[in-house]
Amino acid sequence: MKVLITGFEPFGGEAINPSWEAVKALPRELGGAEIIKQRLPVTFRGVREVLPRLITETRPRVILLTGQAGGRPNITVERVAINVMDSKMPDNEGYTPEDEPVFEGAPAAYFSTLPIKNIVQALRGEGIPAAVSNTAGTYVCNTAMYTVLHTVAVAGMETRAGFVHVPFVHEQALDKPRPSMGLDTIVRAFKIAVETSLKGGEGF
C-alpha cells in the first residue's frame, strides 16, 4: 500500500515552501503504508505533466497534495478543485493564465475524495488549528488538485485524493504581519491527515 504526498517548491519571492519542508520530514512509513514524497514545480504546465505520470507509476491508495497559503491562519483541507487557471501572479515559468481550463472539455469541478471533515476533526482533536476550505483558488495548487482528481476519475481508480493548504512557518513571517505555524506542527498535521485518510470515511 502506497501514499503519494507532494509539496511545492518556493514561489512568490519566498526562500522556502513549508509544504515541501514538512513533506521532507515525514517518515518513510505511516499507518502501514509506504510514503512516496515528491516536490512539485510551481508551474501550471509542470503539475499537469508530472502528476499523471506519478499516479500511473506509483498507483497509490491515497494522494495528499500540500501547498502554502500564506495569510491563512490554520491548516485548511480543501473541498473542491475547479477547472480554471487564472492568475495575476506569474508561476515560476512566468506564465499568467486568464480564464483557461485545466483540461479542455473536462468537468467543471471535482470534490476531494479524502475524508475532509474527519481530517479536520482529528487535527483539532490534537490541538492543531484546522478548517475545511471551499476554495483552493485558481493558481497552481488548484490546478494540481484538479489534475489529480481528473486523472484518477478518468482511469477509474479507487485512489482517495485531495489537497491541504498550510500557513507560513515562523521564519517567513518575521518581516511581515502574517499568521504563521511551527514546522513541527505542520509535519504532525500531515501525519494525522495521512493516517485519517487511510482509515476511510466520507469525502465531503
N, C-alpha and C. Protein backbone atom coordinates (compact mmCIF):
# COMPACT_ATOMS: atom_id res chain seq x y z
N MET A 1 0.84 -1.20 0.00
CA MET A 1 0.00 0.00 0.00
C MET A 1 0.88 1.25 0.00
N LYS A 2 0.53 2.20 -0.86
CA LYS A 2 1.35 3.40 -1.00
C LYS A 2 0.52 4.66 -0.81
N VAL A 3 1.19 5.68 -0.28
CA VAL A 3 0.63 7.03 -0.18
C VAL A 3 1.58 7.97 -0.90
N LEU A 4 1.04 8.71 -1.87
CA LEU A 4 1.82 9.75 -2.54
C LEU A 4 1.50 11.08 -1.88
N ILE A 5 2.54 11.74 -1.38
CA ILE A 5 2.35 13.05 -0.75
C ILE A 5 3.31 14.04 -1.37
N THR A 6 2.77 15.17 -1.78
CA THR A 6 3.56 16.16 -2.52
C THR A 6 3.58 17.50 -1.79
N GLY A 7 4.67 18.24 -2.00
CA GLY A 7 4.79 19.62 -1.58
C GLY A 7 5.34 20.42 -2.75
N PHE A 8 5.32 21.73 -2.62
CA PHE A 8 5.76 22.59 -3.71
C PHE A 8 7.11 23.25 -3.44
N GLU A 9 7.78 23.58 -4.53
CA GLU A 9 8.98 24.41 -4.45
C GLU A 9 8.57 25.83 -4.01
N PRO A 10 9.54 26.66 -3.58
CA PRO A 10 9.21 28.05 -3.20
C PRO A 10 8.68 28.85 -4.39
N PHE A 11 7.89 29.86 -4.08
CA PHE A 11 7.37 30.77 -5.11
C PHE A 11 7.06 32.11 -4.48
N GLY A 12 6.78 33.08 -5.32
CA GLY A 12 6.38 34.39 -4.84
C GLY A 12 7.44 35.12 -4.03
N GLY A 13 8.71 34.82 -4.30
CA GLY A 13 9.80 35.51 -3.60
C GLY A 13 10.19 34.88 -2.28
N GLU A 14 9.53 33.79 -1.88
CA GLU A 14 9.87 33.12 -0.62
C GLU A 14 11.10 32.23 -0.81
N ALA A 15 11.90 32.10 0.25
CA ALA A 15 13.10 31.26 0.18
C ALA A 15 12.77 29.78 0.37
N ILE A 16 11.67 29.50 1.05
CA ILE A 16 11.27 28.12 1.29
C ILE A 16 9.77 28.00 1.04
N ASN A 17 9.31 26.75 0.92
CA ASN A 17 7.88 26.46 0.90
C ASN A 17 7.62 25.47 2.02
N PRO A 18 6.84 25.85 3.03
CA PRO A 18 6.65 24.97 4.19
C PRO A 18 6.00 23.65 3.84
N SER A 19 5.25 23.59 2.74
CA SER A 19 4.64 22.32 2.38
C SER A 19 5.71 21.27 2.08
N TRP A 20 6.71 21.64 1.29
CA TRP A 20 7.76 20.67 0.97
C TRP A 20 8.67 20.43 2.16
N GLU A 21 8.95 21.46 2.94
CA GLU A 21 9.79 21.26 4.12
C GLU A 21 9.16 20.24 5.07
N ALA A 22 7.85 20.28 5.21
CA ALA A 22 7.16 19.33 6.08
C ALA A 22 7.11 17.93 5.46
N VAL A 23 6.85 17.86 4.16
CA VAL A 23 6.83 16.56 3.49
C VAL A 23 8.18 15.86 3.62
N LYS A 24 9.26 16.61 3.45
CA LYS A 24 10.60 16.04 3.57
C LYS A 24 10.83 15.39 4.92
N ALA A 25 10.22 15.96 5.95
CA ALA A 25 10.45 15.50 7.32
C ALA A 25 9.59 14.28 7.69
N LEU A 26 8.71 13.85 6.82
CA LEU A 26 7.85 12.70 7.13
C LEU A 26 8.66 11.40 7.10
N PRO A 27 8.22 10.43 7.87
CA PRO A 27 8.88 9.11 7.82
C PRO A 27 8.56 8.39 6.51
N ARG A 28 9.23 7.29 6.28
CA ARG A 28 9.01 6.51 5.05
C ARG A 28 7.78 5.62 5.13
N GLU A 29 7.22 5.50 6.32
CA GLU A 29 6.05 4.64 6.51
C GLU A 29 5.11 5.29 7.51
N LEU A 30 3.82 5.27 7.18
CA LEU A 30 2.79 5.79 8.08
C LEU A 30 1.55 4.91 7.97
N GLY A 31 1.00 4.52 9.09
CA GLY A 31 -0.24 3.75 9.06
C GLY A 31 -0.15 2.47 8.26
N GLY A 32 1.04 1.89 8.18
CA GLY A 32 1.23 0.67 7.42
C GLY A 32 1.43 0.88 5.93
N ALA A 33 1.53 2.14 5.50
CA ALA A 33 1.69 2.45 4.08
C ALA A 33 3.07 3.03 3.79
N GLU A 34 3.59 2.71 2.62
CA GLU A 34 4.84 3.32 2.14
C GLU A 34 4.56 4.75 1.72
N ILE A 35 5.38 5.68 2.19
CA ILE A 35 5.20 7.10 1.86
C ILE A 35 6.13 7.47 0.70
N ILE A 36 5.53 7.92 -0.38
CA ILE A 36 6.28 8.38 -1.55
C ILE A 36 6.19 9.90 -1.59
N LYS A 37 7.34 10.56 -1.53
CA LYS A 37 7.38 12.03 -1.46
C LYS A 37 7.81 12.60 -2.80
N GLN A 38 7.19 13.72 -3.18
CA GLN A 38 7.54 14.37 -4.45
C GLN A 38 7.42 15.88 -4.32
N ARG A 39 8.47 16.58 -4.72
CA ARG A 39 8.39 18.05 -4.79
C ARG A 39 7.87 18.43 -6.17
N LEU A 40 6.89 19.32 -6.19
CA LEU A 40 6.28 19.75 -7.45
C LEU A 40 6.75 21.14 -7.84
N PRO A 41 6.82 21.41 -9.13
CA PRO A 41 7.13 22.77 -9.59
C PRO A 41 5.91 23.67 -9.45
N VAL A 42 6.13 24.92 -9.17
CA VAL A 42 5.02 25.88 -9.12
C VAL A 42 4.81 26.42 -10.53
N THR A 43 4.37 25.53 -11.41
CA THR A 43 4.09 25.89 -12.80
C THR A 43 2.83 25.15 -13.25
N PHE A 44 1.99 25.85 -13.97
CA PHE A 44 0.76 25.25 -14.48
C PHE A 44 1.09 24.09 -15.42
N ARG A 45 2.09 24.26 -16.24
CA ARG A 45 2.47 23.20 -17.17
C ARG A 45 3.05 22.01 -16.43
N GLY A 46 3.94 22.30 -15.48
CA GLY A 46 4.66 21.24 -14.80
C GLY A 46 3.78 20.27 -14.04
N VAL A 47 2.81 20.79 -13.27
CA VAL A 47 1.99 19.88 -12.47
C VAL A 47 1.11 19.01 -13.36
N ARG A 48 0.69 19.53 -14.50
CA ARG A 48 -0.15 18.74 -15.40
C ARG A 48 0.66 17.66 -16.12
N GLU A 49 1.96 17.83 -16.18
CA GLU A 49 2.82 16.82 -16.79
C GLU A 49 3.28 15.78 -15.75
N VAL A 50 3.70 16.27 -14.58
CA VAL A 50 4.31 15.40 -13.58
C VAL A 50 3.29 14.50 -12.88
N LEU A 51 2.17 15.05 -12.47
CA LEU A 51 1.25 14.30 -11.61
C LEU A 51 0.62 13.09 -12.29
N PRO A 52 0.11 13.19 -13.52
CA PRO A 52 -0.45 11.97 -14.13
C PRO A 52 0.59 10.85 -14.26
N ARG A 53 1.81 11.20 -14.57
CA ARG A 53 2.87 10.20 -14.68
C ARG A 53 3.16 9.54 -13.32
N LEU A 54 3.21 10.36 -12.27
CA LEU A 54 3.44 9.83 -10.92
C LEU A 54 2.34 8.86 -10.50
N ILE A 55 1.12 9.22 -10.79
CA ILE A 55 -0.02 8.38 -10.41
C ILE A 55 0.05 7.04 -11.13
N THR A 56 0.36 7.09 -12.42
CA THR A 56 0.46 5.86 -13.21
C THR A 56 1.59 4.98 -12.71
N GLU A 57 2.71 5.59 -12.34
CA GLU A 57 3.88 4.83 -11.90
C GLU A 57 3.70 4.23 -10.51
N THR A 58 3.06 4.96 -9.59
CA THR A 58 3.02 4.53 -8.19
C THR A 58 1.72 3.84 -7.80
N ARG A 59 0.61 4.14 -8.48
CA ARG A 59 -0.69 3.54 -8.16
C ARG A 59 -0.98 3.62 -6.66
N PRO A 60 -0.97 4.83 -6.09
CA PRO A 60 -1.14 4.94 -4.65
C PRO A 60 -2.59 4.73 -4.21
N ARG A 61 -2.75 4.36 -2.97
CA ARG A 61 -4.09 4.25 -2.38
C ARG A 61 -4.62 5.63 -1.99
N VAL A 62 -3.71 6.49 -1.53
CA VAL A 62 -4.07 7.85 -1.12
C VAL A 62 -3.09 8.82 -1.74
N ILE A 63 -3.60 9.95 -2.21
CA ILE A 63 -2.76 11.06 -2.69
C ILE A 63 -3.09 12.28 -1.85
N LEU A 64 -2.08 12.79 -1.16
CA LEU A 64 -2.24 14.01 -0.36
C LEU A 64 -1.35 15.09 -0.96
N LEU A 65 -1.96 16.03 -1.62
CA LEU A 65 -1.24 17.19 -2.15
C LEU A 65 -1.21 18.26 -1.08
N THR A 66 -0.09 18.95 -0.94
CA THR A 66 0.01 20.01 0.06
C THR A 66 0.65 21.25 -0.56
N GLY A 67 0.27 22.40 -0.04
CA GLY A 67 0.82 23.65 -0.56
C GLY A 67 0.71 24.78 0.45
N GLN A 68 1.39 25.86 0.15
CA GLN A 68 1.43 27.04 1.02
C GLN A 68 0.30 28.00 0.68
N ALA A 69 -0.41 28.44 1.72
CA ALA A 69 -1.40 29.51 1.57
C ALA A 69 -1.04 30.59 2.58
N GLY A 70 -0.04 31.38 2.24
CA GLY A 70 0.41 32.44 3.13
C GLY A 70 -0.71 33.42 3.44
N GLY A 71 -0.94 33.67 4.72
CA GLY A 71 -2.03 34.55 5.13
C GLY A 71 -3.15 33.79 5.83
N ARG A 72 -3.30 32.50 5.50
CA ARG A 72 -4.27 31.71 6.23
C ARG A 72 -3.71 31.37 7.61
N PRO A 73 -4.56 31.35 8.64
CA PRO A 73 -4.06 31.14 9.99
C PRO A 73 -4.01 29.69 10.45
N ASN A 74 -4.54 28.77 9.62
CA ASN A 74 -4.66 27.39 10.08
C ASN A 74 -4.42 26.42 8.93
N ILE A 75 -4.44 25.13 9.26
CA ILE A 75 -4.41 24.09 8.25
C ILE A 75 -5.78 24.07 7.58
N THR A 76 -5.83 24.15 6.26
CA THR A 76 -7.11 24.15 5.56
C THR A 76 -7.18 22.98 4.60
N VAL A 77 -8.20 22.16 4.79
CA VAL A 77 -8.41 20.98 3.97
C VAL A 77 -9.40 21.34 2.87
N GLU A 78 -8.96 21.24 1.62
CA GLU A 78 -9.76 21.74 0.50
C GLU A 78 -10.89 20.79 0.14
N ARG A 79 -12.05 21.36 -0.15
CA ARG A 79 -13.23 20.58 -0.52
C ARG A 79 -13.32 20.32 -2.03
N VAL A 80 -12.91 21.31 -2.85
CA VAL A 80 -13.21 21.23 -4.28
C VAL A 80 -12.11 21.85 -5.12
N ALA A 81 -11.91 21.30 -6.31
CA ALA A 81 -11.00 21.87 -7.31
C ALA A 81 -11.82 22.20 -8.55
N ILE A 82 -11.56 23.35 -9.15
CA ILE A 82 -12.34 23.77 -10.31
C ILE A 82 -11.48 23.79 -11.58
N ASN A 83 -12.14 23.67 -12.71
CA ASN A 83 -11.45 23.56 -13.99
C ASN A 83 -11.12 24.94 -14.55
N VAL A 84 -10.35 25.70 -13.78
CA VAL A 84 -9.98 27.07 -14.17
C VAL A 84 -8.54 27.35 -13.75
N MET A 85 -7.80 27.95 -14.66
CA MET A 85 -6.48 28.52 -14.35
C MET A 85 -6.57 30.02 -14.60
N ASP A 86 -6.34 30.81 -13.56
CA ASP A 86 -6.49 32.26 -13.70
C ASP A 86 -5.63 32.92 -12.62
N SER A 87 -4.68 33.73 -13.02
CA SER A 87 -3.78 34.32 -12.03
C SER A 87 -3.15 35.61 -12.53
N LYS A 88 -3.11 36.60 -11.64
CA LYS A 88 -2.36 37.81 -11.93
C LYS A 88 -0.89 37.64 -11.57
N MET A 89 -0.59 36.72 -10.65
CA MET A 89 0.79 36.43 -10.28
C MET A 89 1.34 35.34 -11.18
N PRO A 90 2.46 35.59 -11.85
CA PRO A 90 3.02 34.56 -12.73
C PRO A 90 3.49 33.34 -11.95
N ASP A 91 3.45 32.18 -12.61
CA ASP A 91 4.03 31.00 -12.00
C ASP A 91 5.54 31.07 -12.12
N ASN A 92 6.24 30.03 -11.73
CA ASN A 92 7.70 30.09 -11.72
C ASN A 92 8.32 30.00 -13.11
N GLU A 93 7.49 29.86 -14.13
CA GLU A 93 7.95 29.98 -15.52
C GLU A 93 7.53 31.30 -16.14
N GLY A 94 6.90 32.17 -15.32
CA GLY A 94 6.47 33.47 -15.81
C GLY A 94 5.13 33.46 -16.51
N TYR A 95 4.38 32.37 -16.39
CA TYR A 95 3.11 32.23 -17.11
C TYR A 95 1.96 32.75 -16.26
N THR A 96 1.07 33.54 -16.85
CA THR A 96 -0.10 34.08 -16.16
C THR A 96 -1.36 33.77 -16.97
N PRO A 97 -1.97 32.62 -16.75
CA PRO A 97 -3.17 32.28 -17.50
C PRO A 97 -4.36 33.13 -17.08
N GLU A 98 -5.29 33.31 -17.98
CA GLU A 98 -6.52 34.04 -17.68
C GLU A 98 -7.71 33.25 -18.18
N ASP A 99 -8.55 32.82 -17.26
CA ASP A 99 -9.79 32.10 -17.58
C ASP A 99 -9.57 30.90 -18.50
N GLU A 100 -8.50 30.15 -18.26
CA GLU A 100 -8.21 28.98 -19.08
C GLU A 100 -8.62 27.71 -18.34
N PRO A 101 -9.11 26.69 -19.03
CA PRO A 101 -9.40 25.42 -18.36
C PRO A 101 -8.13 24.66 -18.03
N VAL A 102 -8.17 23.89 -16.98
CA VAL A 102 -7.06 23.00 -16.68
C VAL A 102 -6.98 21.94 -17.78
N PHE A 103 -8.16 21.37 -18.13
CA PHE A 103 -8.27 20.42 -19.23
C PHE A 103 -9.51 20.75 -20.04
N GLU A 104 -9.35 20.92 -21.34
CA GLU A 104 -10.47 21.22 -22.23
C GLU A 104 -11.50 20.09 -22.18
N GLY A 105 -12.77 20.48 -22.09
CA GLY A 105 -13.85 19.52 -22.15
C GLY A 105 -14.04 18.67 -20.92
N ALA A 106 -13.28 18.94 -19.86
CA ALA A 106 -13.38 18.17 -18.62
C ALA A 106 -14.47 18.77 -17.72
N PRO A 107 -14.89 18.05 -16.68
CA PRO A 107 -15.92 18.57 -15.78
C PRO A 107 -15.55 19.91 -15.15
N ALA A 108 -16.56 20.65 -14.76
CA ALA A 108 -16.34 21.98 -14.17
C ALA A 108 -15.59 21.90 -12.85
N ALA A 109 -15.79 20.81 -12.10
CA ALA A 109 -15.17 20.70 -10.78
C ALA A 109 -15.14 19.24 -10.33
N TYR A 110 -14.27 18.98 -9.37
CA TYR A 110 -14.21 17.69 -8.68
C TYR A 110 -14.15 17.95 -7.18
N PHE A 111 -14.88 17.14 -6.42
CA PHE A 111 -14.76 17.19 -4.98
C PHE A 111 -13.61 16.31 -4.52
N SER A 112 -12.94 16.73 -3.45
CA SER A 112 -11.96 15.88 -2.80
C SER A 112 -12.59 14.56 -2.42
N THR A 113 -11.82 13.50 -2.52
CA THR A 113 -12.30 12.18 -2.08
C THR A 113 -11.64 11.76 -0.77
N LEU A 114 -10.92 12.67 -0.15
CA LEU A 114 -10.42 12.43 1.20
C LEU A 114 -11.54 12.67 2.21
N PRO A 115 -11.46 12.08 3.38
CA PRO A 115 -12.46 12.33 4.43
C PRO A 115 -12.17 13.67 5.11
N ILE A 116 -12.51 14.75 4.42
CA ILE A 116 -12.01 16.07 4.82
C ILE A 116 -12.47 16.50 6.22
N LYS A 117 -13.71 16.21 6.58
CA LYS A 117 -14.18 16.63 7.90
C LYS A 117 -13.58 15.74 8.99
N ASN A 118 -13.35 14.48 8.67
CA ASN A 118 -12.67 13.61 9.64
C ASN A 118 -11.25 14.10 9.90
N ILE A 119 -10.58 14.56 8.82
CA ILE A 119 -9.22 15.09 8.96
C ILE A 119 -9.23 16.33 9.85
N VAL A 120 -10.14 17.25 9.59
CA VAL A 120 -10.23 18.47 10.39
C VAL A 120 -10.51 18.13 11.85
N GLN A 121 -11.43 17.23 12.07
CA GLN A 121 -11.76 16.83 13.44
C GLN A 121 -10.56 16.20 14.14
N ALA A 122 -9.83 15.36 13.42
CA ALA A 122 -8.65 14.72 14.02
C ALA A 122 -7.57 15.74 14.34
N LEU A 123 -7.37 16.70 13.44
CA LEU A 123 -6.37 17.75 13.69
C LEU A 123 -6.74 18.59 14.90
N ARG A 124 -7.98 19.02 14.93
CA ARG A 124 -8.43 19.85 16.05
C ARG A 124 -8.39 19.08 17.37
N GLY A 125 -8.65 17.79 17.28
CA GLY A 125 -8.56 16.95 18.46
C GLY A 125 -7.16 16.87 19.03
N GLU A 126 -6.17 17.10 18.18
CA GLU A 126 -4.77 17.11 18.60
C GLU A 126 -4.26 18.53 18.86
N GLY A 127 -5.18 19.48 18.93
CA GLY A 127 -4.80 20.86 19.25
C GLY A 127 -4.21 21.64 18.09
N ILE A 128 -4.45 21.18 16.86
CA ILE A 128 -3.93 21.86 15.67
C ILE A 128 -5.06 22.65 15.01
N PRO A 129 -4.93 23.96 14.86
CA PRO A 129 -5.99 24.75 14.22
C PRO A 129 -6.22 24.27 12.78
N ALA A 130 -7.47 23.96 12.45
CA ALA A 130 -7.77 23.40 11.13
C ALA A 130 -9.21 23.71 10.76
N ALA A 131 -9.48 23.77 9.45
CA ALA A 131 -10.83 24.02 8.96
C ALA A 131 -10.96 23.49 7.54
N VAL A 132 -12.19 23.26 7.13
CA VAL A 132 -12.47 22.95 5.73
C VAL A 132 -12.43 24.26 4.93
N SER A 133 -11.84 24.22 3.76
CA SER A 133 -11.82 25.37 2.86
C SER A 133 -12.63 25.03 1.61
N ASN A 134 -13.42 25.97 1.16
CA ASN A 134 -14.25 25.75 -0.02
C ASN A 134 -13.65 26.33 -1.29
N THR A 135 -12.42 26.79 -1.22
CA THR A 135 -11.75 27.23 -2.45
C THR A 135 -10.25 27.01 -2.36
N ALA A 136 -9.72 26.33 -3.36
CA ALA A 136 -8.27 26.17 -3.49
C ALA A 136 -7.69 27.24 -4.39
N GLY A 137 -8.51 28.26 -4.71
CA GLY A 137 -8.05 29.35 -5.57
C GLY A 137 -8.08 28.95 -7.03
N THR A 138 -7.33 29.70 -7.84
CA THR A 138 -7.23 29.39 -9.28
C THR A 138 -5.76 29.41 -9.72
N TYR A 139 -4.87 29.26 -8.74
CA TYR A 139 -3.43 29.25 -9.03
C TYR A 139 -2.99 27.78 -9.19
N VAL A 140 -1.71 27.51 -9.05
CA VAL A 140 -1.16 26.19 -9.35
C VAL A 140 -1.66 25.12 -8.38
N CYS A 141 -1.94 25.48 -7.13
CA CYS A 141 -2.45 24.49 -6.18
C CYS A 141 -3.76 23.89 -6.67
N ASN A 142 -4.67 24.73 -7.09
CA ASN A 142 -5.95 24.24 -7.63
C ASN A 142 -5.72 23.39 -8.88
N THR A 143 -4.81 23.82 -9.73
CA THR A 143 -4.52 23.05 -10.94
C THR A 143 -3.98 21.66 -10.59
N ALA A 144 -3.13 21.59 -9.59
CA ALA A 144 -2.60 20.29 -9.16
C ALA A 144 -3.72 19.40 -8.62
N MET A 145 -4.57 19.96 -7.79
CA MET A 145 -5.67 19.19 -7.21
C MET A 145 -6.61 18.71 -8.30
N TYR A 146 -6.95 19.59 -9.22
CA TYR A 146 -7.86 19.20 -10.31
C TYR A 146 -7.22 18.13 -11.19
N THR A 147 -5.95 18.29 -11.48
CA THR A 147 -5.25 17.31 -12.33
C THR A 147 -5.28 15.92 -11.72
N VAL A 148 -5.02 15.83 -10.43
CA VAL A 148 -5.02 14.53 -9.75
C VAL A 148 -6.41 13.92 -9.75
N LEU A 149 -7.41 14.68 -9.37
CA LEU A 149 -8.76 14.14 -9.29
C LEU A 149 -9.28 13.75 -10.67
N HIS A 150 -8.94 14.51 -11.69
CA HIS A 150 -9.35 14.19 -13.06
C HIS A 150 -8.64 12.92 -13.54
N THR A 151 -7.36 12.83 -13.27
CA THR A 151 -6.59 11.65 -13.68
C THR A 151 -7.14 10.39 -13.04
N VAL A 152 -7.42 10.46 -11.74
CA VAL A 152 -7.96 9.31 -11.02
C VAL A 152 -9.34 8.93 -11.55
N ALA A 153 -10.18 9.94 -11.81
CA ALA A 153 -11.54 9.68 -12.29
C ALA A 153 -11.53 9.04 -13.67
N VAL A 154 -10.73 9.58 -14.57
CA VAL A 154 -10.68 9.06 -15.94
C VAL A 154 -10.16 7.62 -15.95
N ALA A 155 -9.20 7.32 -15.08
CA ALA A 155 -8.63 5.98 -15.01
C ALA A 155 -9.51 4.99 -14.26
N GLY A 156 -10.56 5.49 -13.61
CA GLY A 156 -11.44 4.61 -12.84
C GLY A 156 -10.78 4.04 -11.61
N MET A 157 -9.81 4.76 -11.05
CA MET A 157 -9.10 4.29 -9.88
C MET A 157 -9.90 4.55 -8.61
N GLU A 158 -9.64 3.76 -7.59
CA GLU A 158 -10.29 3.93 -6.29
C GLU A 158 -9.44 4.78 -5.34
N THR A 159 -8.40 5.37 -5.86
CA THR A 159 -7.49 6.20 -5.06
C THR A 159 -8.24 7.38 -4.45
N ARG A 160 -8.01 7.61 -3.16
CA ARG A 160 -8.53 8.81 -2.49
C ARG A 160 -7.53 9.94 -2.68
N ALA A 161 -8.02 11.12 -2.99
CA ALA A 161 -7.10 12.22 -3.27
C ALA A 161 -7.69 13.56 -2.83
N GLY A 162 -6.80 14.46 -2.44
CA GLY A 162 -7.22 15.80 -2.05
C GLY A 162 -6.03 16.69 -1.73
N PHE A 163 -6.33 17.86 -1.21
CA PHE A 163 -5.31 18.90 -1.03
C PHE A 163 -5.45 19.54 0.35
N VAL A 164 -4.29 19.82 0.95
CA VAL A 164 -4.23 20.52 2.23
C VAL A 164 -3.32 21.73 2.08
N HIS A 165 -3.83 22.90 2.46
CA HIS A 165 -3.02 24.12 2.48
C HIS A 165 -2.49 24.38 3.90
N VAL A 166 -1.28 24.94 3.96
CA VAL A 166 -0.67 25.25 5.25
C VAL A 166 -0.27 26.72 5.29
N PRO A 167 -0.21 27.30 6.49
CA PRO A 167 0.22 28.70 6.63
C PRO A 167 1.73 28.84 6.40
N PHE A 168 2.18 30.10 6.44
CA PHE A 168 3.61 30.36 6.52
C PHE A 168 4.17 29.70 7.78
N VAL A 169 5.45 29.34 7.76
CA VAL A 169 6.14 28.98 9.00
C VAL A 169 6.71 30.25 9.61
N HIS A 170 7.16 30.16 10.86
CA HIS A 170 7.52 31.36 11.61
C HIS A 170 8.59 32.19 10.91
N GLU A 171 9.60 31.54 10.34
CA GLU A 171 10.69 32.32 9.73
C GLU A 171 10.21 33.15 8.54
N GLN A 172 9.12 32.74 7.90
CA GLN A 172 8.59 33.51 6.77
C GLN A 172 7.82 34.74 7.23
N ALA A 173 7.39 34.74 8.48
CA ALA A 173 6.57 35.84 8.99
C ALA A 173 7.36 36.84 9.82
N LEU A 174 8.68 36.70 9.86
CA LEU A 174 9.49 37.61 10.66
C LEU A 174 9.41 39.04 10.19
N ASP A 175 9.27 39.24 8.86
CA ASP A 175 9.28 40.60 8.33
C ASP A 175 7.95 41.00 7.71
N LYS A 176 6.89 40.26 8.03
CA LYS A 176 5.57 40.63 7.52
C LYS A 176 4.49 40.23 8.52
N PRO A 177 3.46 41.03 8.67
CA PRO A 177 2.42 40.74 9.68
C PRO A 177 1.43 39.69 9.18
N ARG A 178 1.87 38.43 9.15
CA ARG A 178 1.03 37.34 8.67
C ARG A 178 1.00 36.22 9.70
N PRO A 179 -0.08 35.48 9.76
CA PRO A 179 -0.12 34.32 10.66
C PRO A 179 0.94 33.30 10.27
N SER A 180 1.40 32.53 11.25
CA SER A 180 2.40 31.50 10.97
C SER A 180 2.20 30.33 11.92
N MET A 181 2.82 29.21 11.55
CA MET A 181 2.70 27.98 12.32
C MET A 181 4.06 27.30 12.36
N GLY A 182 4.36 26.60 13.42
CA GLY A 182 5.63 25.89 13.53
C GLY A 182 5.70 24.73 12.54
N LEU A 183 6.88 24.52 11.98
CA LEU A 183 7.05 23.44 11.02
C LEU A 183 6.75 22.09 11.65
N ASP A 184 7.11 21.91 12.91
CA ASP A 184 6.84 20.63 13.57
C ASP A 184 5.35 20.35 13.67
N THR A 185 4.56 21.41 13.84
CA THR A 185 3.10 21.25 13.88
C THR A 185 2.56 20.84 12.52
N ILE A 186 3.11 21.42 11.46
CA ILE A 186 2.68 21.07 10.10
C ILE A 186 3.03 19.62 9.79
N VAL A 187 4.22 19.19 10.18
CA VAL A 187 4.61 17.79 9.98
C VAL A 187 3.63 16.87 10.70
N ARG A 188 3.30 17.21 11.93
CA ARG A 188 2.35 16.40 12.70
C ARG A 188 0.98 16.39 12.02
N ALA A 189 0.59 17.53 11.46
CA ALA A 189 -0.70 17.60 10.77
C ALA A 189 -0.73 16.69 9.55
N PHE A 190 0.36 16.64 8.81
CA PHE A 190 0.41 15.76 7.63
C PHE A 190 0.32 14.29 8.04
N LYS A 191 0.99 13.93 9.12
CA LYS A 191 0.91 12.55 9.61
C LYS A 191 -0.54 12.18 9.95
N ILE A 192 -1.21 13.08 10.64
CA ILE A 192 -2.60 12.84 11.02
C ILE A 192 -3.49 12.76 9.79
N ALA A 193 -3.26 13.63 8.81
CA ALA A 193 -4.07 13.63 7.59
C ALA A 193 -3.91 12.32 6.83
N VAL A 194 -2.69 11.82 6.74
CA VAL A 194 -2.44 10.55 6.06
C VAL A 194 -3.11 9.41 6.81
N GLU A 195 -2.89 9.33 8.08
CA GLU A 195 -3.45 8.22 8.88
C GLU A 195 -4.97 8.24 8.85
N THR A 196 -5.57 9.42 8.91
CA THR A 196 -7.04 9.53 8.86
C THR A 196 -7.56 9.13 7.49
N SER A 197 -6.86 9.51 6.45
CA SER A 197 -7.28 9.16 5.08
C SER A 197 -7.22 7.67 4.84
N LEU A 198 -6.25 7.01 5.42
CA LEU A 198 -6.13 5.57 5.26
C LEU A 198 -7.25 4.81 5.96
N LYS A 199 -7.81 5.42 7.01
CA LYS A 199 -8.91 4.78 7.73
C LYS A 199 -10.22 4.86 6.96
N GLY A 200 -10.33 5.84 6.06
CA GLY A 200 -11.56 5.99 5.27
C GLY A 200 -12.51 6.98 5.89
N GLY A 201 -13.78 6.90 5.47
CA GLY A 201 -14.80 7.85 5.90
C GLY A 201 -15.33 8.62 4.71
N GLU A 202 -16.30 9.47 4.96
CA GLU A 202 -16.93 10.22 3.87
C GLU A 202 -15.99 11.28 3.32
N GLY A 203 -16.13 11.54 2.01
CA GLY A 203 -15.26 12.51 1.35
C GLY A 203 -15.61 13.94 1.72
N PHE A 204 -16.91 14.29 1.69
CA PHE A 204 -17.27 15.68 1.98
C PHE A 204 -18.60 15.78 2.70
